């Protein structure tokens, strides 16, 4: 099953006029990132900010505002002046999942944001620490069934794709695990490598293959992405 997740979509507050765009930007531009430094969205944002700074000859600053699955950043940007100087690198969590999960969400993605472009996509990977004696998804399911609620799984925050992916895994496999939400994938990865919890669903990055065991992914190219570059 192919399940491609939009990681980063550049947005701005609406009503950015064409006349204004002819002289834009005349001052620094801020890019709000809904996750902490080191997260996938943050890495993408910093690469784009560097390129835009060179192209515009104007500073483009990354501002990390993590928490609540990205909704803190979303609400902040929705209240910003619609002048094009506050952008957000949103993702499926901030733009789609949050709207479905939270009836009192402080912003409306369709009303409050104007899309600029889709920047990148990624796929999710299920990985475990080597201390967990499983080498496949069936073994993980068997272990979880034998130890209900004893197996923890981390996510990059409540309402993110890693959280919902873990919940879907529980439902489909008929197991019960304990969800441990973080304010992004970077602090979660730190705890995973320190064996602070037993499994996690995270976005694919090649270094994981050397430090944790990858059991499954959501796309056919996962094996290539996790391969040893040597």
N, C-alpha and C. Protein backbone atom coordinates (compact mmCIF):
# COMPACT_ATOMS: atom_id res chain seq x y z
N UNK A 1 0.84 -1.19 0.00
CA UNK A 1 0.00 0.00 0.00
C UNK A 1 0.88 1.24 0.00
N UNK A 2 0.65 2.12 -0.93
CA UNK A 2 1.41 3.36 -1.02
C UNK A 2 0.73 4.43 -0.18
N UNK A 3 1.47 5.06 0.71
CA UNK A 3 0.90 6.09 1.58
C UNK A 3 1.92 7.19 1.70
N UNK A 4 1.86 8.17 0.80
CA UNK A 4 2.82 9.26 0.77
C UNK A 4 2.28 10.43 1.57
N UNK A 5 3.07 10.92 2.49
CA UNK A 5 2.62 11.97 3.40
C UNK A 5 3.28 13.30 3.02
N UNK A 6 2.50 14.37 2.76
CA UNK A 6 3.12 15.65 2.51
C UNK A 6 3.81 16.16 3.77
N UNK A 7 5.11 16.31 3.70
CA UNK A 7 5.87 16.78 4.85
C UNK A 7 5.81 18.29 4.94
N UNK A 8 5.96 18.98 3.83
CA UNK A 8 6.09 20.41 3.90
C UNK A 8 5.37 21.10 2.76
N UNK A 9 4.48 22.00 3.14
CA UNK A 9 3.75 22.81 2.17
C UNK A 9 3.85 24.26 2.63
N UNK A 10 4.41 25.11 1.77
CA UNK A 10 4.62 26.50 2.16
C UNK A 10 3.31 27.26 2.03
N UNK A 11 2.98 28.00 3.10
CA UNK A 11 1.71 28.73 3.16
C UNK A 11 1.95 30.15 3.64
N UNK A 12 1.00 31.01 3.35
CA UNK A 12 1.00 32.35 3.90
C UNK A 12 -0.42 32.78 4.15
N UNK A 13 -0.58 33.82 4.96
CA UNK A 13 -1.93 34.34 5.21
C UNK A 13 -2.49 34.88 3.90
N UNK A 14 -3.82 34.78 3.66
CA UNK A 14 -4.39 35.20 2.38
C UNK A 14 -4.40 36.70 2.19
N UNK A 15 -4.87 37.12 1.00
CA UNK A 15 -5.01 38.53 0.64
C UNK A 15 -3.66 39.21 0.40
N UNK A 16 -2.71 38.43 -0.10
CA UNK A 16 -1.41 38.96 -0.49
C UNK A 16 -1.55 39.48 -1.92
N UNK A 17 -1.56 40.79 -2.12
CA UNK A 17 -1.92 41.38 -3.41
C UNK A 17 -0.81 41.27 -4.44
N UNK A 18 -1.20 41.29 -5.73
CA UNK A 18 -0.24 41.23 -6.83
C UNK A 18 0.64 42.46 -6.85
N UNK A 19 0.06 43.61 -6.59
CA UNK A 19 0.84 44.85 -6.56
C UNK A 19 1.91 44.79 -5.48
N UNK A 20 1.54 44.24 -4.35
CA UNK A 20 2.50 44.10 -3.24
C UNK A 20 3.63 43.15 -3.63
N UNK A 21 3.30 42.13 -4.39
CA UNK A 21 4.30 41.12 -4.76
C UNK A 21 5.39 41.67 -5.66
N UNK A 22 5.12 42.77 -6.38
CA UNK A 22 6.11 43.33 -7.30
C UNK A 22 7.32 43.90 -6.59
N UNK A 23 7.17 44.30 -5.34
CA UNK A 23 8.29 44.86 -4.57
C UNK A 23 8.72 43.96 -3.42
N UNK A 24 8.08 42.84 -3.28
CA UNK A 24 8.31 41.90 -2.16
C UNK A 24 9.59 41.11 -2.40
N UNK A 25 10.41 40.88 -1.32
CA UNK A 25 10.27 41.41 0.04
C UNK A 25 11.18 42.61 0.25
N UNK A 26 10.75 43.52 1.10
CA UNK A 26 11.56 44.69 1.40
C UNK A 26 12.09 44.65 2.82
N UNK A 27 11.77 43.59 3.56
CA UNK A 27 12.26 43.38 4.92
C UNK A 27 12.33 41.88 5.19
N UNK A 28 12.94 41.48 6.29
CA UNK A 28 13.09 40.04 6.57
C UNK A 28 11.77 39.29 6.59
N UNK A 29 11.83 38.06 6.13
CA UNK A 29 10.66 37.17 6.09
C UNK A 29 10.85 36.08 7.13
N UNK A 30 9.79 35.75 7.84
CA UNK A 30 9.85 34.73 8.87
C UNK A 30 9.10 33.48 8.41
N UNK A 31 9.75 32.31 8.55
CA UNK A 31 9.13 31.04 8.22
C UNK A 31 8.86 30.28 9.52
N UNK A 32 7.61 30.09 9.85
CA UNK A 32 7.22 29.38 11.08
C UNK A 32 7.25 27.88 10.81
N UNK A 33 7.94 27.15 11.69
CA UNK A 33 8.02 25.69 11.59
C UNK A 33 7.30 25.10 12.80
N UNK A 34 6.32 24.22 12.59
CA UNK A 34 5.51 23.70 13.71
C UNK A 34 6.21 22.67 14.58
N UNK A 35 7.48 22.39 14.30
CA UNK A 35 8.20 21.36 15.04
C UNK A 35 9.57 21.87 15.45
N UNK A 36 10.24 21.21 16.41
CA UNK A 36 11.50 21.73 16.96
C UNK A 36 12.67 21.58 16.00
N UNK A 37 13.80 22.25 16.30
CA UNK A 37 15.00 22.10 15.48
C UNK A 37 15.42 20.64 15.37
N UNK A 38 15.86 20.27 14.18
CA UNK A 38 16.30 18.89 13.95
C UNK A 38 15.25 18.00 13.36
N UNK A 39 13.98 18.43 13.41
CA UNK A 39 12.90 17.64 12.81
C UNK A 39 12.98 17.74 11.29
N UNK A 40 12.32 16.83 10.60
CA UNK A 40 12.37 16.82 9.15
C UNK A 40 11.88 18.12 8.55
N UNK A 41 10.77 18.64 9.06
CA UNK A 41 10.23 19.89 8.55
C UNK A 41 11.20 21.04 8.79
N UNK A 42 11.88 21.03 9.92
CA UNK A 42 12.86 22.07 10.24
C UNK A 42 14.04 22.04 9.27
N UNK A 43 14.52 20.85 8.96
CA UNK A 43 15.65 20.72 8.04
C UNK A 43 15.29 21.25 6.66
N UNK A 44 14.09 20.90 6.21
CA UNK A 44 13.63 21.40 4.91
C UNK A 44 13.49 22.92 4.94
N UNK A 45 12.93 23.45 6.01
CA UNK A 45 12.73 24.89 6.13
C UNK A 45 14.04 25.65 6.08
N UNK A 46 15.06 25.14 6.74
CA UNK A 46 16.34 25.83 6.78
C UNK A 46 17.03 25.81 5.41
N UNK A 47 16.87 24.71 4.69
CA UNK A 47 17.44 24.65 3.34
C UNK A 47 16.75 25.66 2.42
N UNK A 48 15.42 25.75 2.54
CA UNK A 48 14.67 26.70 1.72
C UNK A 48 14.98 28.13 2.11
N UNK A 49 15.07 28.39 3.41
CA UNK A 49 15.37 29.74 3.89
C UNK A 49 16.72 30.22 3.37
N UNK A 50 17.69 29.31 3.33
CA UNK A 50 19.02 29.67 2.82
C UNK A 50 18.94 30.05 1.35
N UNK A 51 18.21 29.26 0.57
CA UNK A 51 18.10 29.52 -0.87
C UNK A 51 17.33 30.81 -1.14
N UNK A 52 16.25 31.03 -0.38
CA UNK A 52 15.46 32.25 -0.58
C UNK A 52 16.24 33.49 -0.16
N UNK A 53 17.04 33.38 0.88
CA UNK A 53 17.87 34.51 1.30
C UNK A 53 18.81 34.92 0.17
N UNK A 54 19.41 33.94 -0.48
CA UNK A 54 20.30 34.23 -1.61
C UNK A 54 19.54 34.81 -2.78
N UNK A 55 18.36 34.26 -3.06
CA UNK A 55 17.59 34.70 -4.22
C UNK A 55 16.98 36.08 -4.02
N UNK A 56 16.47 36.36 -2.83
CA UNK A 56 15.79 37.62 -2.55
C UNK A 56 16.73 38.72 -2.07
N UNK A 57 17.95 38.34 -1.67
CA UNK A 57 18.86 39.30 -1.06
C UNK A 57 18.22 39.95 0.16
N UNK A 58 17.45 39.14 0.87
CA UNK A 58 16.76 39.58 2.07
C UNK A 58 16.73 38.41 3.05
N UNK A 59 16.87 38.66 4.33
CA UNK A 59 16.93 37.59 5.33
C UNK A 59 15.61 36.82 5.40
N UNK A 60 15.73 35.50 5.43
CA UNK A 60 14.59 34.62 5.66
C UNK A 60 14.93 33.82 6.91
N UNK A 61 14.18 34.02 7.97
CA UNK A 61 14.50 33.47 9.29
C UNK A 61 13.54 32.35 9.65
N UNK A 62 14.08 31.23 10.11
CA UNK A 62 13.26 30.12 10.57
C UNK A 62 12.92 30.30 12.04
N UNK A 63 11.65 30.19 12.37
CA UNK A 63 11.16 30.37 13.73
C UNK A 63 10.41 29.10 14.14
N UNK A 64 11.00 28.30 15.02
CA UNK A 64 10.40 27.04 15.46
C UNK A 64 9.36 27.30 16.55
N UNK A 65 8.14 26.82 16.32
CA UNK A 65 7.06 26.95 17.30
C UNK A 65 6.37 25.59 17.48
N UNK A 66 7.05 24.66 18.17
CA UNK A 66 6.52 23.31 18.30
C UNK A 66 5.41 23.20 19.34
N UNK A 67 4.72 22.06 19.29
CA UNK A 67 3.72 21.76 20.31
C UNK A 67 2.34 21.50 19.73
N UNK A 68 1.60 20.63 20.42
CA UNK A 68 0.20 20.32 20.06
C UNK A 68 0.07 19.82 18.64
N UNK A 69 1.02 19.01 18.20
CA UNK A 69 0.94 18.44 16.86
C UNK A 69 1.02 19.47 15.75
N UNK A 70 1.58 20.63 16.04
CA UNK A 70 1.72 21.67 15.03
C UNK A 70 0.63 22.72 15.06
N UNK A 71 -0.38 22.53 15.91
CA UNK A 71 -1.50 23.46 15.90
C UNK A 71 -1.16 24.81 16.56
N UNK A 72 -0.17 24.83 17.44
CA UNK A 72 0.25 26.10 18.03
C UNK A 72 0.78 27.03 16.95
N UNK A 73 1.61 26.49 16.08
CA UNK A 73 2.15 27.28 14.97
C UNK A 73 1.04 27.68 14.01
N UNK A 74 0.13 26.75 13.74
CA UNK A 74 -0.96 27.06 12.83
C UNK A 74 -1.81 28.22 13.30
N UNK A 75 -2.14 28.21 14.58
CA UNK A 75 -2.95 29.30 15.14
C UNK A 75 -2.18 30.61 15.12
N UNK A 76 -0.89 30.55 15.38
CA UNK A 76 -0.07 31.76 15.38
C UNK A 76 -0.03 32.40 14.00
N UNK A 77 0.18 31.58 12.98
CA UNK A 77 0.27 32.11 11.62
C UNK A 77 -1.09 32.61 11.14
N UNK A 78 -2.16 31.97 11.57
CA UNK A 78 -3.49 32.41 11.14
C UNK A 78 -3.82 33.81 11.64
N UNK A 79 -3.16 34.23 12.72
CA UNK A 79 -3.41 35.55 13.30
C UNK A 79 -2.39 36.59 12.84
N UNK A 80 -1.43 36.17 12.02
CA UNK A 80 -0.41 37.10 11.55
C UNK A 80 -0.98 38.03 10.49
N UNK A 81 -0.32 39.16 10.30
CA UNK A 81 -0.73 40.11 9.26
C UNK A 81 -0.59 39.45 7.89
N UNK A 82 -1.60 39.54 7.03
CA UNK A 82 -1.55 38.90 5.71
C UNK A 82 -0.73 39.69 4.70
N UNK A 83 0.54 39.91 5.03
CA UNK A 83 1.39 40.73 4.17
C UNK A 83 2.50 39.93 3.50
N UNK A 84 2.52 38.61 3.71
CA UNK A 84 3.53 37.78 3.06
C UNK A 84 4.83 37.66 3.82
N UNK A 85 4.93 38.30 4.98
CA UNK A 85 6.18 38.25 5.73
C UNK A 85 6.16 37.21 6.84
N UNK A 86 5.07 36.52 7.00
CA UNK A 86 4.99 35.38 7.92
C UNK A 86 4.49 34.18 7.13
N UNK A 87 5.38 33.24 6.89
CA UNK A 87 5.06 32.02 6.16
C UNK A 87 5.06 30.85 7.14
N UNK A 88 4.48 29.75 6.75
CA UNK A 88 4.53 28.54 7.57
C UNK A 88 4.82 27.34 6.69
N UNK A 89 5.70 26.49 7.17
CA UNK A 89 5.95 25.23 6.50
C UNK A 89 5.02 24.20 7.14
N UNK A 90 3.81 24.14 6.64
CA UNK A 90 2.82 23.25 7.21
C UNK A 90 2.96 21.84 6.69
N UNK A 91 2.24 20.92 7.29
CA UNK A 91 2.23 19.54 6.82
C UNK A 91 0.85 18.94 7.00
N UNK A 92 0.72 17.66 6.74
CA UNK A 92 -0.60 17.04 6.80
C UNK A 92 -1.22 17.12 8.20
N UNK A 93 -0.37 17.16 9.22
CA UNK A 93 -0.89 17.26 10.59
C UNK A 93 -1.56 18.61 10.84
N UNK A 94 -0.88 19.69 10.46
CA UNK A 94 -1.39 21.03 10.72
C UNK A 94 -2.53 21.41 9.78
N UNK A 95 -2.53 20.84 8.57
CA UNK A 95 -3.46 21.30 7.55
C UNK A 95 -4.67 20.39 7.32
N UNK A 96 -4.58 19.13 7.74
CA UNK A 96 -5.68 18.20 7.47
C UNK A 96 -6.11 17.43 8.70
N UNK A 97 -5.16 16.76 9.36
CA UNK A 97 -5.52 15.92 10.50
C UNK A 97 -6.10 16.74 11.64
N UNK A 98 -5.46 17.88 11.94
CA UNK A 98 -5.93 18.71 13.06
C UNK A 98 -7.36 19.16 12.86
N UNK A 99 -7.71 19.47 11.64
CA UNK A 99 -9.08 19.95 11.36
C UNK A 99 -10.10 18.84 11.62
N UNK A 100 -9.69 17.60 11.39
CA UNK A 100 -10.60 16.48 11.61
C UNK A 100 -10.66 16.06 13.08
N UNK A 101 -9.56 16.25 13.81
CA UNK A 101 -9.49 15.77 15.19
C UNK A 101 -10.02 16.76 16.22
N UNK A 102 -9.80 18.05 15.96
CA UNK A 102 -10.10 19.05 16.99
C UNK A 102 -11.27 19.95 16.57
N UNK A 103 -12.45 19.75 17.15
CA UNK A 103 -13.61 20.56 16.76
C UNK A 103 -13.46 22.04 17.11
N UNK A 104 -12.61 22.35 18.09
CA UNK A 104 -12.41 23.75 18.48
C UNK A 104 -11.02 24.25 18.07
N UNK A 105 -10.55 23.79 16.93
CA UNK A 105 -9.26 24.24 16.41
C UNK A 105 -9.29 25.76 16.22
N UNK A 106 -8.20 26.41 16.61
CA UNK A 106 -8.15 27.87 16.58
C UNK A 106 -7.94 28.48 15.22
N UNK A 107 -7.97 27.69 14.16
CA UNK A 107 -7.81 28.23 12.81
C UNK A 107 -8.49 27.29 11.82
N UNK A 108 -8.78 27.81 10.64
CA UNK A 108 -9.35 27.02 9.56
C UNK A 108 -8.33 26.98 8.43
N UNK A 109 -7.72 25.83 8.15
CA UNK A 109 -6.68 25.78 7.12
C UNK A 109 -7.15 26.28 5.75
N UNK A 110 -8.40 26.05 5.41
CA UNK A 110 -8.91 26.48 4.10
C UNK A 110 -9.17 27.98 4.05
N UNK A 111 -9.61 28.53 5.16
CA UNK A 111 -9.95 29.95 5.21
C UNK A 111 -8.76 30.84 5.53
N UNK A 112 -7.89 30.38 6.43
CA UNK A 112 -6.87 31.25 7.00
C UNK A 112 -5.52 31.20 6.30
N UNK A 113 -5.32 30.23 5.41
CA UNK A 113 -4.03 30.11 4.74
C UNK A 113 -4.20 30.11 3.22
N UNK A 114 -3.20 30.64 2.55
CA UNK A 114 -3.13 30.59 1.08
C UNK A 114 -1.93 29.72 0.71
N UNK A 115 -2.13 28.64 -0.04
CA UNK A 115 -1.00 27.77 -0.39
C UNK A 115 -0.05 28.44 -1.37
N UNK A 116 1.23 28.20 -1.18
CA UNK A 116 2.26 28.69 -2.10
C UNK A 116 2.76 27.55 -2.97
N UNK A 117 3.21 26.47 -2.34
CA UNK A 117 3.68 25.32 -3.12
C UNK A 117 3.87 24.11 -2.21
N UNK A 118 3.75 22.94 -2.80
CA UNK A 118 4.13 21.70 -2.11
C UNK A 118 5.62 21.52 -2.30
N UNK A 119 6.34 21.35 -1.20
CA UNK A 119 7.79 21.32 -1.26
C UNK A 119 8.35 19.91 -1.30
N UNK A 120 7.85 19.05 -0.44
CA UNK A 120 8.42 17.70 -0.40
C UNK A 120 7.41 16.72 0.18
N UNK A 121 7.64 15.44 -0.04
CA UNK A 121 6.85 14.39 0.57
C UNK A 121 7.79 13.37 1.20
N UNK A 122 7.26 12.55 2.09
CA UNK A 122 8.07 11.49 2.68
C UNK A 122 7.18 10.34 3.07
N UNK A 123 7.78 9.28 3.55
CA UNK A 123 7.04 8.10 3.95
C UNK A 123 7.42 7.73 5.38
N UNK A 124 6.57 7.03 6.06
CA UNK A 124 6.81 6.65 7.45
C UNK A 124 7.46 5.27 7.55
N UNK A 125 8.28 5.12 8.58
CA UNK A 125 8.97 3.85 8.82
C UNK A 125 8.77 3.45 10.27
N UNK A 126 8.50 2.18 10.50
CA UNK A 126 8.39 1.65 11.86
C UNK A 126 9.74 1.08 12.25
N UNK A 127 10.32 1.60 13.33
CA UNK A 127 11.64 1.15 13.77
C UNK A 127 11.58 0.79 15.25
N UNK A 128 12.48 -0.08 15.68
CA UNK A 128 12.58 -0.47 17.08
C UNK A 128 14.03 -0.41 17.54
N UNK A 129 14.22 -0.25 18.83
CA UNK A 129 15.56 -0.26 19.39
C UNK A 129 16.09 -1.70 19.40
N UNK A 130 17.39 -1.91 19.20
CA UNK A 130 17.94 -3.28 19.19
C UNK A 130 17.67 -4.08 20.45
N UNK A 131 17.36 -3.40 21.56
CA UNK A 131 17.10 -4.12 22.80
C UNK A 131 15.78 -4.88 22.75
N UNK A 132 14.91 -4.52 21.81
CA UNK A 132 13.65 -5.25 21.63
C UNK A 132 13.93 -6.44 20.72
N UNK A 133 13.73 -7.63 21.24
CA UNK A 133 14.12 -8.84 20.51
C UNK A 133 13.09 -9.24 19.46
N UNK A 134 12.89 -8.37 18.48
CA UNK A 134 12.01 -8.69 17.36
C UNK A 134 12.73 -8.31 16.07
N UNK A 135 12.48 -9.08 15.02
CA UNK A 135 13.16 -8.83 13.75
C UNK A 135 12.18 -8.66 12.60
N UNK A 136 10.88 -8.64 12.88
CA UNK A 136 9.88 -8.51 11.84
C UNK A 136 8.59 -7.99 12.45
N UNK A 137 7.69 -7.56 11.60
CA UNK A 137 6.39 -7.08 12.08
C UNK A 137 5.61 -8.20 12.77
N UNK A 138 5.55 -9.42 12.22
CA UNK A 138 4.84 -10.49 12.94
C UNK A 138 5.41 -10.75 14.34
N UNK A 139 6.73 -10.67 14.47
CA UNK A 139 7.34 -10.87 15.79
C UNK A 139 6.97 -9.72 16.73
N UNK A 140 6.91 -8.51 16.19
CA UNK A 140 6.51 -7.36 17.01
C UNK A 140 5.07 -7.51 17.49
N UNK A 141 4.19 -7.95 16.60
CA UNK A 141 2.79 -8.15 16.96
C UNK A 141 2.66 -9.22 18.04
N UNK A 142 3.40 -10.32 17.86
CA UNK A 142 3.35 -11.40 18.85
C UNK A 142 3.85 -10.91 20.21
N UNK A 143 4.91 -10.11 20.19
CA UNK A 143 5.46 -9.57 21.44
C UNK A 143 4.45 -8.64 22.11
N UNK A 144 3.83 -7.77 21.30
CA UNK A 144 2.86 -6.82 21.86
C UNK A 144 1.64 -7.53 22.42
N UNK A 145 1.20 -8.60 21.76
CA UNK A 145 0.05 -9.35 22.27
C UNK A 145 0.38 -10.07 23.58
N UNK A 146 1.63 -10.51 23.71
CA UNK A 146 2.05 -11.20 24.93
C UNK A 146 2.31 -10.23 26.07
N UNK A 147 2.51 -8.94 25.73
CA UNK A 147 2.80 -7.93 26.75
C UNK A 147 1.92 -6.70 26.51
N UNK A 148 0.60 -6.80 26.70
CA UNK A 148 -0.29 -5.67 26.44
C UNK A 148 0.05 -4.46 27.30
N UNK A 149 0.09 -3.30 26.62
CA UNK A 149 0.38 -2.02 27.26
C UNK A 149 1.81 -1.89 27.79
N UNK A 150 2.63 -2.91 27.60
CA UNK A 150 4.01 -2.84 28.07
C UNK A 150 4.96 -2.26 27.02
N UNK A 151 4.50 -2.25 25.79
CA UNK A 151 5.33 -1.75 24.69
C UNK A 151 4.93 -0.31 24.39
N UNK A 152 5.88 0.61 24.50
CA UNK A 152 5.61 2.01 24.22
C UNK A 152 5.95 2.34 22.77
N UNK A 153 5.21 3.30 22.21
CA UNK A 153 5.61 3.80 20.90
C UNK A 153 5.57 5.32 20.92
N UNK A 154 6.60 5.93 20.36
CA UNK A 154 6.70 7.38 20.35
C UNK A 154 6.18 7.95 19.05
N UNK A 155 5.72 9.19 19.11
CA UNK A 155 5.29 9.90 17.91
C UNK A 155 5.80 11.33 17.99
N UNK A 156 5.72 12.03 16.88
CA UNK A 156 6.16 13.42 16.86
C UNK A 156 5.10 14.37 17.39
N UNK A 157 4.05 13.82 18.00
CA UNK A 157 3.03 14.64 18.63
C UNK A 157 1.64 14.07 18.42
N UNK A 158 0.75 14.38 19.30
CA UNK A 158 -0.63 13.93 19.16
C UNK A 158 -1.25 14.52 17.90
N UNK A 159 -1.89 13.67 17.11
CA UNK A 159 -2.51 14.13 15.88
C UNK A 159 -1.60 14.15 14.68
N UNK A 160 -0.35 13.70 14.84
CA UNK A 160 0.56 13.64 13.70
C UNK A 160 0.42 12.30 12.99
N UNK A 161 1.05 12.18 11.82
CA UNK A 161 0.93 10.92 11.08
C UNK A 161 1.56 9.76 11.83
N UNK A 162 2.63 10.03 12.59
CA UNK A 162 3.25 8.95 13.35
C UNK A 162 2.34 8.47 14.48
N UNK A 163 1.58 9.38 15.07
CA UNK A 163 0.62 9.00 16.10
C UNK A 163 -0.52 8.18 15.49
N UNK A 164 -1.12 8.70 14.42
CA UNK A 164 -2.22 7.99 13.79
C UNK A 164 -1.76 6.68 13.17
N UNK A 165 -0.53 6.66 12.67
CA UNK A 165 0.00 5.41 12.14
C UNK A 165 0.13 4.35 13.22
N UNK A 166 0.59 4.78 14.41
CA UNK A 166 0.69 3.84 15.53
C UNK A 166 -0.67 3.35 15.98
N UNK A 167 -1.64 4.27 16.02
CA UNK A 167 -2.99 3.88 16.41
C UNK A 167 -3.61 2.92 15.40
N UNK A 168 -3.34 3.16 14.12
CA UNK A 168 -3.86 2.27 13.09
C UNK A 168 -3.20 0.89 13.18
N UNK A 169 -1.91 0.88 13.49
CA UNK A 169 -1.20 -0.39 13.66
C UNK A 169 -1.82 -1.18 14.82
N UNK A 170 -2.09 -0.50 15.94
CA UNK A 170 -2.73 -1.16 17.08
C UNK A 170 -4.07 -1.77 16.67
N UNK A 171 -4.86 -1.00 15.95
CA UNK A 171 -6.19 -1.46 15.56
C UNK A 171 -6.12 -2.64 14.60
N UNK A 172 -5.26 -2.54 13.59
CA UNK A 172 -5.18 -3.59 12.58
C UNK A 172 -4.54 -4.86 13.12
N UNK A 173 -3.58 -4.70 14.04
CA UNK A 173 -2.87 -5.86 14.57
C UNK A 173 -3.57 -6.45 15.79
N UNK A 174 -4.54 -5.72 16.35
CA UNK A 174 -5.23 -6.20 17.54
C UNK A 174 -4.34 -6.20 18.77
N UNK A 175 -3.50 -5.16 18.91
CA UNK A 175 -2.59 -5.07 20.05
C UNK A 175 -2.86 -3.78 20.82
N UNK A 176 -2.33 -3.70 22.03
CA UNK A 176 -2.45 -2.51 22.86
C UNK A 176 -1.06 -2.05 23.26
N UNK A 177 -0.71 -0.83 22.84
CA UNK A 177 0.57 -0.23 23.20
C UNK A 177 0.31 1.11 23.86
N UNK A 178 1.35 1.70 24.41
CA UNK A 178 1.23 2.98 25.09
C UNK A 178 1.84 4.07 24.23
N UNK A 179 1.06 5.08 23.91
CA UNK A 179 1.52 6.19 23.07
C UNK A 179 2.30 7.21 23.90
N UNK A 180 3.48 7.60 23.40
CA UNK A 180 4.31 8.62 24.06
C UNK A 180 4.51 9.77 23.07
N UNK A 181 3.73 10.85 23.17
CA UNK A 181 3.85 11.97 22.23
C UNK A 181 5.02 12.88 22.56
N UNK A 182 5.67 13.40 21.54
CA UNK A 182 6.76 14.36 21.68
C UNK A 182 6.43 15.63 20.92
N UNK A 183 7.23 16.65 21.09
CA UNK A 183 7.06 17.89 20.34
C UNK A 183 7.90 17.86 19.06
N UNK A 184 7.87 16.75 18.37
CA UNK A 184 8.63 16.62 17.14
C UNK A 184 9.46 15.35 17.11
N UNK A 185 9.99 15.03 15.94
CA UNK A 185 10.73 13.78 15.78
C UNK A 185 12.13 13.83 16.36
N UNK A 186 12.75 15.02 16.44
CA UNK A 186 14.13 15.10 16.94
C UNK A 186 14.26 14.66 18.40
N UNK A 187 13.47 15.20 19.34
CA UNK A 187 13.58 14.70 20.72
C UNK A 187 13.14 13.26 20.86
N UNK A 188 12.22 12.83 20.00
CA UNK A 188 11.80 11.44 20.04
C UNK A 188 12.93 10.51 19.62
N UNK A 189 13.65 10.91 18.57
CA UNK A 189 14.77 10.09 18.10
C UNK A 189 15.85 9.99 19.17
N UNK A 190 16.09 11.09 19.89
CA UNK A 190 17.08 11.07 20.96
C UNK A 190 16.73 10.03 22.02
N UNK A 191 15.46 10.01 22.41
CA UNK A 191 15.02 9.04 23.42
C UNK A 191 15.03 7.62 22.87
N UNK A 192 14.72 7.46 21.59
CA UNK A 192 14.75 6.13 21.00
C UNK A 192 16.16 5.55 21.02
N UNK A 193 17.13 6.36 20.63
CA UNK A 193 18.51 5.90 20.61
C UNK A 193 19.02 5.61 22.02
N UNK A 194 18.45 6.32 23.01
CA UNK A 194 18.84 6.08 24.41
C UNK A 194 18.03 4.95 25.02
N UNK A 195 17.16 4.33 24.22
CA UNK A 195 16.30 3.23 24.66
C UNK A 195 15.35 3.67 25.77
N UNK A 196 14.82 4.90 25.63
CA UNK A 196 13.88 5.39 26.62
C UNK A 196 12.47 4.83 26.40
N UNK A 197 12.21 4.33 25.21
CA UNK A 197 10.98 3.59 24.95
C UNK A 197 11.26 2.57 23.86
N UNK A 198 10.31 1.73 23.56
CA UNK A 198 10.62 0.51 22.82
C UNK A 198 10.43 0.57 21.32
N UNK A 199 9.55 1.39 20.82
CA UNK A 199 9.35 1.46 19.38
C UNK A 199 8.84 2.83 19.01
N UNK A 200 8.86 3.13 17.75
CA UNK A 200 8.32 4.40 17.30
C UNK A 200 8.04 4.34 15.82
N UNK A 201 7.16 5.21 15.37
CA UNK A 201 6.91 5.39 13.95
C UNK A 201 7.47 6.75 13.60
N UNK A 202 8.39 6.80 12.66
CA UNK A 202 9.04 8.07 12.38
C UNK A 202 9.28 8.23 10.89
N UNK A 203 9.62 9.42 10.50
CA UNK A 203 9.90 9.68 9.10
C UNK A 203 11.25 9.09 8.73
N UNK A 204 11.34 8.69 7.49
CA UNK A 204 12.51 7.95 7.04
C UNK A 204 13.73 8.84 6.91
N UNK A 205 14.81 8.47 7.59
CA UNK A 205 16.12 9.10 7.40
C UNK A 205 17.17 8.00 7.42
N UNK A 206 18.09 7.96 6.47
CA UNK A 206 19.05 6.86 6.37
C UNK A 206 19.83 6.53 7.64
N UNK A 207 20.26 7.49 8.51
CA UNK A 207 21.04 7.11 9.69
C UNK A 207 20.36 6.11 10.61
N UNK A 208 19.04 6.02 10.55
CA UNK A 208 18.33 5.11 11.44
C UNK A 208 18.77 3.66 11.23
N UNK A 209 19.13 3.33 10.00
CA UNK A 209 19.44 1.95 9.70
C UNK A 209 20.65 1.45 10.48
N UNK A 210 21.51 2.36 10.91
CA UNK A 210 22.73 1.97 11.61
C UNK A 210 22.54 1.88 13.12
N UNK A 211 21.46 2.45 13.65
CA UNK A 211 21.31 2.53 15.09
C UNK A 211 20.04 1.88 15.62
N UNK A 212 19.05 1.70 14.78
CA UNK A 212 17.82 1.05 15.17
C UNK A 212 17.41 0.08 14.07
N UNK A 213 16.48 -0.80 14.39
CA UNK A 213 16.04 -1.77 13.41
C UNK A 213 14.75 -1.34 12.74
N UNK A 214 14.75 -1.28 11.40
CA UNK A 214 13.56 -0.92 10.64
C UNK A 214 12.77 -2.16 10.32
N UNK A 215 11.49 -2.17 10.69
CA UNK A 215 10.65 -3.34 10.47
C UNK A 215 9.74 -3.20 9.27
N UNK A 216 9.25 -2.01 9.01
CA UNK A 216 8.30 -1.84 7.92
C UNK A 216 8.21 -0.37 7.54
N UNK A 217 7.71 -0.12 6.33
CA UNK A 217 7.53 1.24 5.86
C UNK A 217 6.25 1.36 5.07
N UNK A 218 5.91 2.59 4.67
CA UNK A 218 4.66 2.82 3.98
C UNK A 218 4.83 2.99 2.48
N UNK A 219 6.05 2.84 1.96
CA UNK A 219 6.27 2.97 0.52
C UNK A 219 7.23 1.93 0.02
N UNK A 220 7.21 1.66 -1.28
CA UNK A 220 8.03 0.60 -1.85
C UNK A 220 9.51 0.97 -1.92
N UNK A 221 9.84 2.25 -1.76
CA UNK A 221 11.23 2.67 -1.85
C UNK A 221 11.93 2.71 -0.50
N UNK A 222 11.27 2.24 0.56
CA UNK A 222 11.84 2.30 1.90
C UNK A 222 13.14 1.52 1.98
N UNK A 223 13.22 0.35 1.38
CA UNK A 223 14.42 -0.47 1.47
C UNK A 223 15.63 0.27 0.90
N UNK A 224 15.43 1.01 -0.18
CA UNK A 224 16.52 1.78 -0.78
C UNK A 224 16.91 2.91 0.15
N UNK A 225 15.91 3.59 0.71
CA UNK A 225 16.19 4.75 1.57
C UNK A 225 16.94 4.35 2.83
N UNK A 226 16.69 3.14 3.33
CA UNK A 226 17.34 2.69 4.55
C UNK A 226 18.61 1.91 4.31
N UNK A 227 19.00 1.78 3.06
CA UNK A 227 20.19 0.98 2.75
C UNK A 227 21.46 1.62 3.26
N UNK A 228 22.48 0.79 3.49
CA UNK A 228 23.79 1.26 3.94
C UNK A 228 24.50 1.93 2.77
N UNK A 229 24.79 3.27 2.86
CA UNK A 229 25.43 3.96 1.76
C UNK A 229 26.81 3.44 1.42
N UNK A 230 27.43 2.72 2.38
CA UNK A 230 28.75 2.15 2.11
C UNK A 230 28.63 0.90 1.25
